[in-house]
Amino acid sequence: MAGTDRIADRFCAACSIWRLSRLRIRALTLRINHRVSLPFDEFEISAVRAQGPGGQNVNKVSSAAHLRFDIRASSLPEAWKKRLLALNDHRISADGTVIIKARDHRSLEQNRQAAMERLRVLIESIATPPKPRVPTRPSRTARKKRVDAKTRRGKTKAMRGRVKE
């Protein structure tokens, strides 16, 4: 079975990925919503050594996962790409690459799933366009109340000066 993977009959609905044989997890697609999904080859997950839980195991095993996702080269809709690039998020670099570091769990597989879930949540957050602001004007009564309040306040402050004889 070297070089080939068989798809098992289990589908992990929480992370929208298929579990493959030999306990390796390969995402065929990362499902963002019912219309959009990302193919596995659009993001890269690498294993690095992590800090955090794991005891002495941390020093020996690369259990953290770094996910890299190039926004400009992805198959996302153009509007989503623009919103992602305009997003002020520390995980998005200046060249348009999303870098997610997952090191919460002791196992690499759980950290991979966590990284993919964070990417899904990030992309899902910009999926719906923001509502355009509808400028409003204060009513005539509100403007009159504001001017009257300013006049009253001005009179009160004028009374605080020196007494003129």
N, C-alpha and C. Protein backbone atom coordinates (compact mmCIF):
# COMPACT_ATOMS: atom_id res chain seq x y z
N MET A 1 0.80 -1.20 0.00
CA MET A 1 0.00 0.00 0.00
C MET A 1 0.84 1.26 0.00
N ALA A 2 2.07 1.14 -0.39
CA ALA A 2 2.93 2.31 -0.42
C ALA A 2 2.48 3.23 -1.54
N GLY A 3 2.21 4.47 -1.19
CA GLY A 3 1.86 5.46 -2.20
C GLY A 3 0.38 5.56 -2.51
N THR A 4 -0.41 4.62 -2.06
CA THR A 4 -1.84 4.72 -2.32
C THR A 4 -2.59 4.78 -1.00
N ASP A 5 -3.67 5.51 -0.99
CA ASP A 5 -4.52 5.62 0.20
C ASP A 5 -5.92 5.20 -0.18
N ARG A 6 -6.54 4.41 0.66
CA ARG A 6 -7.93 4.06 0.44
C ARG A 6 -8.79 4.95 1.31
N ILE A 7 -9.92 5.37 0.77
CA ILE A 7 -10.82 6.20 1.56
C ILE A 7 -11.66 5.28 2.42
N ALA A 8 -11.64 5.55 3.71
CA ALA A 8 -12.47 4.78 4.63
C ALA A 8 -13.91 5.28 4.51
N ASP A 9 -14.81 4.62 5.18
CA ASP A 9 -16.23 4.95 5.03
C ASP A 9 -16.68 5.99 6.04
N ARG A 10 -15.75 6.65 6.72
CA ARG A 10 -16.15 7.64 7.71
C ARG A 10 -15.90 9.04 7.19
N PHE A 11 -16.86 9.91 7.44
CA PHE A 11 -16.75 11.32 7.06
C PHE A 11 -16.89 12.12 8.33
N CYS A 12 -15.91 12.97 8.63
CA CYS A 12 -15.95 13.80 9.84
C CYS A 12 -16.72 15.07 9.50
N ALA A 13 -17.97 15.16 9.94
CA ALA A 13 -18.82 16.30 9.59
C ALA A 13 -18.35 17.58 10.27
N ALA A 14 -17.75 17.49 11.43
CA ALA A 14 -17.33 18.68 12.16
C ALA A 14 -16.25 19.45 11.39
N CYS A 15 -15.34 18.73 10.76
CA CYS A 15 -14.27 19.42 10.05
C CYS A 15 -14.39 19.26 8.54
N SER A 16 -15.42 18.62 8.07
CA SER A 16 -15.69 18.45 6.65
C SER A 16 -14.53 17.79 5.92
N ILE A 17 -13.96 16.76 6.50
CA ILE A 17 -12.86 16.06 5.86
C ILE A 17 -13.12 14.57 5.90
N TRP A 18 -12.52 13.88 4.97
CA TRP A 18 -12.60 12.42 4.95
C TRP A 18 -11.43 11.86 5.72
N ARG A 19 -11.69 10.84 6.52
CA ARG A 19 -10.60 10.15 7.20
C ARG A 19 -10.12 9.04 6.27
N LEU A 20 -8.82 8.98 6.07
CA LEU A 20 -8.26 7.98 5.17
C LEU A 20 -7.61 6.86 5.96
N SER A 21 -7.23 5.83 5.27
CA SER A 21 -6.64 4.67 5.92
C SER A 21 -5.32 5.05 6.60
N ARG A 22 -4.84 4.18 7.45
CA ARG A 22 -3.60 4.36 8.19
C ARG A 22 -3.62 5.55 9.11
N LEU A 23 -4.78 5.95 9.60
CA LEU A 23 -4.96 7.03 10.55
C LEU A 23 -4.40 8.36 10.07
N ARG A 24 -4.19 8.49 8.77
CA ARG A 24 -3.75 9.77 8.24
C ARG A 24 -4.98 10.53 7.80
N ILE A 25 -4.96 11.80 8.03
CA ILE A 25 -6.11 12.62 7.65
C ILE A 25 -5.70 13.47 6.46
N ARG A 26 -6.43 13.32 5.40
CA ARG A 26 -6.22 14.13 4.23
C ARG A 26 -7.54 14.80 3.89
N ALA A 27 -7.50 16.06 3.71
CA ALA A 27 -8.72 16.76 3.34
C ALA A 27 -8.86 16.72 1.83
N LEU A 28 -9.92 16.14 1.36
CA LEU A 28 -10.19 16.20 -0.07
C LEU A 28 -10.61 17.62 -0.41
N THR A 29 -11.45 18.16 0.43
CA THR A 29 -11.82 19.57 0.34
C THR A 29 -12.11 20.07 1.75
N LEU A 30 -11.84 21.33 1.97
CA LEU A 30 -12.22 21.98 3.21
C LEU A 30 -13.47 22.77 2.90
N ARG A 31 -14.57 22.34 3.44
CA ARG A 31 -15.86 22.95 3.11
C ARG A 31 -16.06 24.21 3.94
N ILE A 32 -16.25 25.34 3.26
CA ILE A 32 -16.47 26.62 3.92
C ILE A 32 -17.95 26.82 4.18
N ASN A 33 -18.76 26.69 3.16
CA ASN A 33 -20.21 26.72 3.30
C ASN A 33 -20.80 25.79 2.25
N HIS A 34 -22.09 25.84 2.05
CA HIS A 34 -22.72 24.88 1.14
C HIS A 34 -22.35 25.12 -0.34
N ARG A 35 -21.78 26.28 -0.66
CA ARG A 35 -21.42 26.57 -2.04
C ARG A 35 -19.93 26.54 -2.31
N VAL A 36 -19.12 26.86 -1.31
CA VAL A 36 -17.68 27.02 -1.53
C VAL A 36 -16.90 26.02 -0.70
N SER A 37 -15.92 25.40 -1.32
CA SER A 37 -15.00 24.54 -0.60
C SER A 37 -13.61 24.70 -1.22
N LEU A 38 -12.59 24.48 -0.41
CA LEU A 38 -11.20 24.62 -0.86
C LEU A 38 -10.59 23.25 -1.09
N PRO A 39 -9.99 23.02 -2.23
CA PRO A 39 -9.27 21.76 -2.46
C PRO A 39 -8.05 21.68 -1.54
N PHE A 40 -7.65 20.47 -1.22
CA PHE A 40 -6.54 20.24 -0.31
C PHE A 40 -5.24 20.85 -0.81
N ASP A 41 -5.04 20.89 -2.11
CA ASP A 41 -3.76 21.37 -2.64
C ASP A 41 -3.62 22.89 -2.59
N GLU A 42 -4.64 23.62 -2.12
CA GLU A 42 -4.54 25.08 -2.03
C GLU A 42 -3.94 25.55 -0.72
N PHE A 43 -3.84 24.69 0.27
CA PHE A 43 -3.17 25.08 1.50
C PHE A 43 -2.17 24.01 1.89
N GLU A 44 -1.15 24.43 2.61
CA GLU A 44 -0.05 23.54 2.97
C GLU A 44 0.04 23.47 4.48
N ILE A 45 0.10 22.27 5.01
CA ILE A 45 0.23 22.08 6.45
C ILE A 45 1.56 21.39 6.71
N SER A 46 2.38 22.03 7.56
CA SER A 46 3.67 21.43 7.91
C SER A 46 3.74 21.24 9.42
N ALA A 47 4.52 20.25 9.83
CA ALA A 47 4.68 19.93 11.25
C ALA A 47 5.93 20.61 11.77
N VAL A 48 5.79 21.27 12.92
CA VAL A 48 6.93 21.93 13.57
C VAL A 48 6.91 21.57 15.05
N ARG A 49 8.01 21.79 15.70
CA ARG A 49 8.06 21.54 17.14
C ARG A 49 7.29 22.63 17.86
N ALA A 50 6.62 22.23 18.92
CA ALA A 50 5.72 23.16 19.60
C ALA A 50 6.11 23.36 21.04
N GLN A 51 5.63 24.46 21.59
CA GLN A 51 5.66 24.68 23.02
C GLN A 51 4.31 24.22 23.55
N GLY A 52 4.13 24.27 24.84
CA GLY A 52 2.82 23.97 25.40
C GLY A 52 2.72 22.56 25.93
N PRO A 53 1.50 22.01 26.01
CA PRO A 53 1.29 20.72 26.65
C PRO A 53 2.01 19.60 25.92
N GLY A 54 2.49 18.66 26.69
CA GLY A 54 3.16 17.52 26.09
C GLY A 54 4.35 17.03 26.89
N GLY A 55 4.74 17.78 27.91
CA GLY A 55 5.84 17.34 28.76
C GLY A 55 7.14 17.23 27.97
N GLN A 56 7.93 16.21 28.26
CA GLN A 56 9.21 16.02 27.57
C GLN A 56 8.99 15.66 26.10
N ASN A 57 7.80 15.18 25.80
CA ASN A 57 7.45 14.82 24.43
C ASN A 57 7.58 16.01 23.49
N VAL A 58 7.37 17.21 24.02
CA VAL A 58 7.42 18.42 23.21
C VAL A 58 8.79 18.60 22.58
N ASN A 59 9.84 18.21 23.29
CA ASN A 59 11.20 18.42 22.79
C ASN A 59 11.58 17.41 21.72
N LYS A 60 10.83 16.33 21.58
CA LYS A 60 11.21 15.27 20.66
C LYS A 60 10.35 15.20 19.41
N VAL A 61 9.10 15.59 19.52
CA VAL A 61 8.14 15.34 18.45
C VAL A 61 7.66 16.65 17.85
N SER A 62 7.54 16.69 16.54
CA SER A 62 6.97 17.86 15.87
C SER A 62 5.46 17.71 15.87
N SER A 63 4.82 18.30 16.86
CA SER A 63 3.37 18.09 16.99
C SER A 63 2.55 19.33 16.67
N ALA A 64 3.18 20.47 16.48
CA ALA A 64 2.43 21.67 16.11
C ALA A 64 2.24 21.68 14.60
N ALA A 65 1.20 22.35 14.16
CA ALA A 65 0.91 22.43 12.73
C ALA A 65 0.90 23.88 12.29
N HIS A 66 1.60 24.17 11.19
CA HIS A 66 1.57 25.49 10.57
C HIS A 66 0.84 25.34 9.24
N LEU A 67 -0.24 26.10 9.10
CA LEU A 67 -1.02 26.07 7.86
C LEU A 67 -0.71 27.34 7.09
N ARG A 68 -0.39 27.20 5.83
CA ARG A 68 -0.14 28.35 4.95
C ARG A 68 -1.15 28.29 3.80
N PHE A 69 -1.78 29.44 3.56
CA PHE A 69 -2.81 29.52 2.54
C PHE A 69 -2.62 30.83 1.77
N ASP A 70 -2.37 30.70 0.46
CA ASP A 70 -2.16 31.87 -0.39
C ASP A 70 -3.52 32.34 -0.90
N ILE A 71 -3.91 33.52 -0.48
CA ILE A 71 -5.24 34.04 -0.82
C ILE A 71 -5.34 34.32 -2.31
N ARG A 72 -4.33 34.97 -2.87
CA ARG A 72 -4.40 35.38 -4.27
C ARG A 72 -4.44 34.20 -5.24
N ALA A 73 -3.80 33.08 -4.88
CA ALA A 73 -3.74 31.92 -5.77
C ALA A 73 -4.88 30.94 -5.51
N SER A 74 -5.78 31.28 -4.62
CA SER A 74 -6.83 30.33 -4.24
C SER A 74 -8.01 30.38 -5.22
N SER A 75 -8.91 29.43 -5.04
CA SER A 75 -10.10 29.37 -5.90
C SER A 75 -11.30 30.05 -5.26
N LEU A 76 -11.07 30.86 -4.26
CA LEU A 76 -12.17 31.59 -3.62
C LEU A 76 -12.75 32.62 -4.58
N PRO A 77 -14.01 33.01 -4.39
CA PRO A 77 -14.57 34.07 -5.22
C PRO A 77 -13.77 35.37 -5.05
N GLU A 78 -13.72 36.17 -6.11
CA GLU A 78 -12.92 37.40 -6.09
C GLU A 78 -13.34 38.35 -4.98
N ALA A 79 -14.63 38.46 -4.72
CA ALA A 79 -15.10 39.36 -3.66
C ALA A 79 -14.58 38.90 -2.30
N TRP A 80 -14.53 37.59 -2.09
CA TRP A 80 -14.02 37.05 -0.82
C TRP A 80 -12.54 37.33 -0.68
N LYS A 81 -11.81 37.18 -1.81
CA LYS A 81 -10.37 37.46 -1.77
C LYS A 81 -10.10 38.90 -1.37
N LYS A 82 -10.85 39.83 -1.97
CA LYS A 82 -10.67 41.25 -1.65
C LYS A 82 -10.95 41.52 -0.18
N ARG A 83 -12.04 40.93 0.35
CA ARG A 83 -12.38 41.15 1.76
C ARG A 83 -11.34 40.52 2.68
N LEU A 84 -10.81 39.36 2.30
CA LEU A 84 -9.77 38.72 3.12
C LEU A 84 -8.51 39.55 3.13
N LEU A 85 -8.11 40.06 1.97
CA LEU A 85 -6.90 40.87 1.90
C LEU A 85 -7.07 42.20 2.63
N ALA A 86 -8.28 42.73 2.67
CA ALA A 86 -8.53 43.99 3.36
C ALA A 86 -8.69 43.80 4.87
N LEU A 87 -8.85 42.56 5.29
CA LEU A 87 -9.04 42.26 6.71
C LEU A 87 -7.78 42.60 7.49
N ASN A 88 -7.95 43.27 8.61
CA ASN A 88 -6.81 43.63 9.46
C ASN A 88 -6.61 42.53 10.49
N ASP A 89 -5.93 41.47 10.08
CA ASP A 89 -5.73 40.31 10.94
C ASP A 89 -4.25 39.99 10.98
N HIS A 90 -3.72 39.70 12.17
CA HIS A 90 -2.29 39.43 12.31
C HIS A 90 -1.86 38.14 11.62
N ARG A 91 -2.80 37.28 11.28
CA ARG A 91 -2.47 36.02 10.62
C ARG A 91 -2.27 36.16 9.12
N ILE A 92 -2.64 37.32 8.57
CA ILE A 92 -2.51 37.55 7.13
C ILE A 92 -1.28 38.42 6.89
N SER A 93 -0.31 37.89 6.13
CA SER A 93 0.93 38.63 5.88
C SER A 93 0.71 39.66 4.77
N ALA A 94 1.71 40.49 4.57
CA ALA A 94 1.62 41.56 3.58
C ALA A 94 1.50 41.02 2.16
N ASP A 95 2.06 39.84 1.90
CA ASP A 95 1.98 39.29 0.54
C ASP A 95 0.72 38.46 0.31
N GLY A 96 -0.22 38.48 1.25
CA GLY A 96 -1.50 37.81 1.06
C GLY A 96 -1.50 36.34 1.42
N THR A 97 -0.65 35.94 2.35
CA THR A 97 -0.62 34.56 2.80
C THR A 97 -1.16 34.47 4.22
N VAL A 98 -2.10 33.57 4.43
CA VAL A 98 -2.62 33.33 5.77
C VAL A 98 -1.73 32.28 6.42
N ILE A 99 -1.22 32.59 7.61
CA ILE A 99 -0.39 31.65 8.36
C ILE A 99 -1.08 31.38 9.69
N ILE A 100 -1.48 30.15 9.89
CA ILE A 100 -2.17 29.75 11.13
C ILE A 100 -1.30 28.74 11.84
N LYS A 101 -1.04 29.01 13.12
CA LYS A 101 -0.22 28.12 13.94
C LYS A 101 -1.13 27.45 14.95
N ALA A 102 -1.18 26.13 14.91
CA ALA A 102 -2.01 25.37 15.85
C ALA A 102 -1.10 24.50 16.70
N ARG A 103 -1.12 24.73 18.00
CA ARG A 103 -0.30 23.94 18.92
C ARG A 103 -1.03 23.68 20.22
N ASP A 104 -2.35 23.62 20.16
CA ASP A 104 -3.16 23.45 21.36
C ASP A 104 -3.18 22.01 21.86
N HIS A 105 -3.03 21.07 20.96
CA HIS A 105 -3.17 19.66 21.32
C HIS A 105 -1.83 18.95 21.29
N ARG A 106 -1.79 17.77 21.89
CA ARG A 106 -0.55 17.00 21.92
C ARG A 106 -0.30 16.27 20.61
N SER A 107 -1.36 15.95 19.88
CA SER A 107 -1.17 15.17 18.65
C SER A 107 -1.17 16.09 17.43
N LEU A 108 -0.39 15.71 16.45
CA LEU A 108 -0.29 16.47 15.21
C LEU A 108 -1.61 16.46 14.46
N GLU A 109 -2.31 15.34 14.47
CA GLU A 109 -3.58 15.24 13.74
C GLU A 109 -4.62 16.21 14.30
N GLN A 110 -4.70 16.30 15.62
CA GLN A 110 -5.65 17.24 16.21
C GLN A 110 -5.26 18.67 15.91
N ASN A 111 -3.97 18.97 15.89
CA ASN A 111 -3.52 20.32 15.56
C ASN A 111 -3.80 20.65 14.10
N ARG A 112 -3.67 19.66 13.20
CA ARG A 112 -4.02 19.88 11.79
C ARG A 112 -5.50 20.22 11.66
N GLN A 113 -6.33 19.45 12.35
CA GLN A 113 -7.76 19.72 12.29
C GLN A 113 -8.08 21.09 12.86
N ALA A 114 -7.42 21.46 13.95
CA ALA A 114 -7.66 22.77 14.56
C ALA A 114 -7.25 23.89 13.61
N ALA A 115 -6.12 23.73 12.92
CA ALA A 115 -5.66 24.74 11.97
C ALA A 115 -6.64 24.88 10.81
N MET A 116 -7.12 23.76 10.28
CA MET A 116 -8.09 23.82 9.17
C MET A 116 -9.40 24.45 9.63
N GLU A 117 -9.81 24.16 10.85
CA GLU A 117 -11.05 24.74 11.38
C GLU A 117 -10.89 26.25 11.54
N ARG A 118 -9.73 26.70 12.00
CA ARG A 118 -9.49 28.15 12.14
C ARG A 118 -9.50 28.84 10.78
N LEU A 119 -8.93 28.20 9.77
CA LEU A 119 -8.97 28.76 8.42
C LEU A 119 -10.41 28.84 7.93
N ARG A 120 -11.18 27.78 8.18
CA ARG A 120 -12.58 27.78 7.76
C ARG A 120 -13.35 28.91 8.43
N VAL A 121 -13.13 29.11 9.73
CA VAL A 121 -13.83 30.16 10.47
C VAL A 121 -13.42 31.54 9.95
N LEU A 122 -12.11 31.72 9.66
CA LEU A 122 -11.64 33.00 9.14
C LEU A 122 -12.29 33.32 7.81
N ILE A 123 -12.34 32.35 6.91
CA ILE A 123 -12.94 32.59 5.59
C ILE A 123 -14.45 32.76 5.72
N GLU A 124 -15.06 32.01 6.61
CA GLU A 124 -16.51 32.12 6.81
C GLU A 124 -16.89 33.50 7.36
N SER A 125 -15.98 34.12 8.12
CA SER A 125 -16.28 35.42 8.72
C SER A 125 -16.43 36.52 7.66
N ILE A 126 -15.81 36.34 6.49
CA ILE A 126 -15.92 37.36 5.45
C ILE A 126 -16.86 36.92 4.33
N ALA A 127 -17.51 35.79 4.50
CA ALA A 127 -18.36 35.25 3.43
C ALA A 127 -19.55 36.17 3.14
N THR A 128 -20.12 36.74 4.16
CA THR A 128 -21.26 37.64 3.93
C THR A 128 -20.73 39.06 3.86
N PRO A 129 -21.08 39.81 2.83
CA PRO A 129 -20.57 41.17 2.71
C PRO A 129 -21.14 42.05 3.82
N PRO A 130 -20.37 43.03 4.28
CA PRO A 130 -20.88 43.91 5.33
C PRO A 130 -22.02 44.78 4.80
N LYS A 131 -22.95 45.09 5.67
CA LYS A 131 -24.07 45.94 5.25
C LYS A 131 -23.56 47.36 5.01
N PRO A 132 -23.97 47.97 3.91
CA PRO A 132 -23.52 49.35 3.68
C PRO A 132 -24.18 50.30 4.67
N ARG A 133 -23.42 51.27 5.14
CA ARG A 133 -23.95 52.22 6.10
C ARG A 133 -24.91 53.17 5.38
N VAL A 134 -26.09 53.35 5.95
CA VAL A 134 -27.07 54.27 5.39
C VAL A 134 -26.98 55.56 6.21
N PRO A 135 -26.46 56.63 5.61
CA PRO A 135 -26.32 57.86 6.39
C PRO A 135 -27.69 58.44 6.74
N THR A 136 -27.81 58.88 7.96
CA THR A 136 -29.07 59.47 8.41
C THR A 136 -28.83 60.90 8.83
N ARG A 137 -29.88 61.71 8.80
CA ARG A 137 -29.78 63.10 9.22
C ARG A 137 -30.61 63.28 10.47
N PRO A 138 -30.14 64.10 11.40
CA PRO A 138 -30.96 64.35 12.58
C PRO A 138 -32.21 65.14 12.18
N SER A 139 -33.29 64.88 12.89
CA SER A 139 -34.54 65.56 12.57
C SER A 139 -34.46 67.04 12.97
N ARG A 140 -35.41 67.84 12.50
CA ARG A 140 -35.43 69.27 12.81
C ARG A 140 -35.57 69.48 14.31
N THR A 141 -36.40 68.67 14.96
CA THR A 141 -36.60 68.78 16.41
C THR A 141 -35.31 68.47 17.16
N ALA A 142 -34.58 67.44 16.72
CA ALA A 142 -33.33 67.08 17.37
C ALA A 142 -32.31 68.20 17.23
N ARG A 143 -32.26 68.82 16.05
CA ARG A 143 -31.32 69.93 15.85
C ARG A 143 -31.68 71.11 16.76
N LYS A 144 -32.99 71.41 16.87
CA LYS A 144 -33.44 72.51 17.73
C LYS A 144 -33.10 72.23 19.19
N LYS A 145 -33.32 70.98 19.64
CA LYS A 145 -32.99 70.62 21.03
C LYS A 145 -31.50 70.78 21.30
N ARG A 146 -30.68 70.40 20.34
CA ARG A 146 -29.23 70.50 20.52
C ARG A 146 -28.81 71.96 20.65
N VAL A 147 -29.32 72.81 19.80
CA VAL A 147 -28.96 74.24 19.85
C VAL A 147 -29.46 74.86 21.15
N ASP A 148 -30.69 74.51 21.58
CA ASP A 148 -31.22 75.05 22.84
C ASP A 148 -30.38 74.61 24.03
N ALA A 149 -29.94 73.34 24.03
CA ALA A 149 -29.12 72.83 25.13
C ALA A 149 -27.78 73.57 25.17
N LYS A 150 -27.22 73.85 23.99
CA LYS A 150 -25.96 74.59 23.95
C LYS A 150 -26.14 76.02 24.47
N THR A 151 -27.26 76.63 24.12
CA THR A 151 -27.53 77.99 24.58
C THR A 151 -27.67 78.02 26.10
N ARG A 152 -28.43 77.04 26.64
CA ARG A 152 -28.61 76.97 28.10
C ARG A 152 -27.27 76.77 28.80
N ARG A 153 -26.47 75.88 28.28
CA ARG A 153 -25.19 75.59 28.89
C ARG A 153 -24.28 76.83 28.82
N GLY A 154 -24.34 77.54 27.71
CA GLY A 154 -23.54 78.77 27.56
C GLY A 154 -23.95 79.83 28.58
N LYS A 155 -25.25 79.98 28.81
CA LYS A 155 -25.73 80.96 29.80
C LYS A 155 -25.26 80.58 31.20
N THR A 156 -25.30 79.28 31.51
CA THR A 156 -24.85 78.82 32.82
C THR A 156 -23.38 79.14 33.01
N LYS A 157 -22.58 78.91 32.00
CA LYS A 157 -21.15 79.17 32.11
C LYS A 157 -20.87 80.68 32.17
N ALA A 158 -21.69 81.49 31.48
CA ALA A 158 -21.50 82.95 31.50
C ALA A 158 -21.75 83.50 32.89
N MET A 159 -22.61 82.86 33.65
CA MET A 159 -22.92 83.32 35.02
C MET A 159 -21.76 83.03 35.98
N ARG A 160 -20.80 82.22 35.58
CA ARG A 160 -19.69 81.85 36.48
C ARG A 160 -18.59 82.91 36.51
N GLY A 161 -18.65 83.90 35.65
CA GLY A 161 -17.58 84.91 35.58
C GLY A 161 -17.60 85.84 36.78
N ARG A 162 -16.71 86.83 36.73
CA ARG A 162 -16.65 87.83 37.81
C ARG A 162 -17.92 88.65 37.83
N VAL A 163 -18.26 89.07 39.01
CA VAL A 163 -19.45 89.90 39.16
C VAL A 163 -19.10 91.33 38.78
N LYS A 164 -19.89 91.91 37.89
CA LYS A 164 -19.65 93.28 37.44
C LYS A 164 -20.55 94.21 38.25
N GLU A 165 -20.00 95.27 38.77
CA GLU A 165 -20.80 96.18 39.57
C GLU A 165 -21.17 97.42 38.85
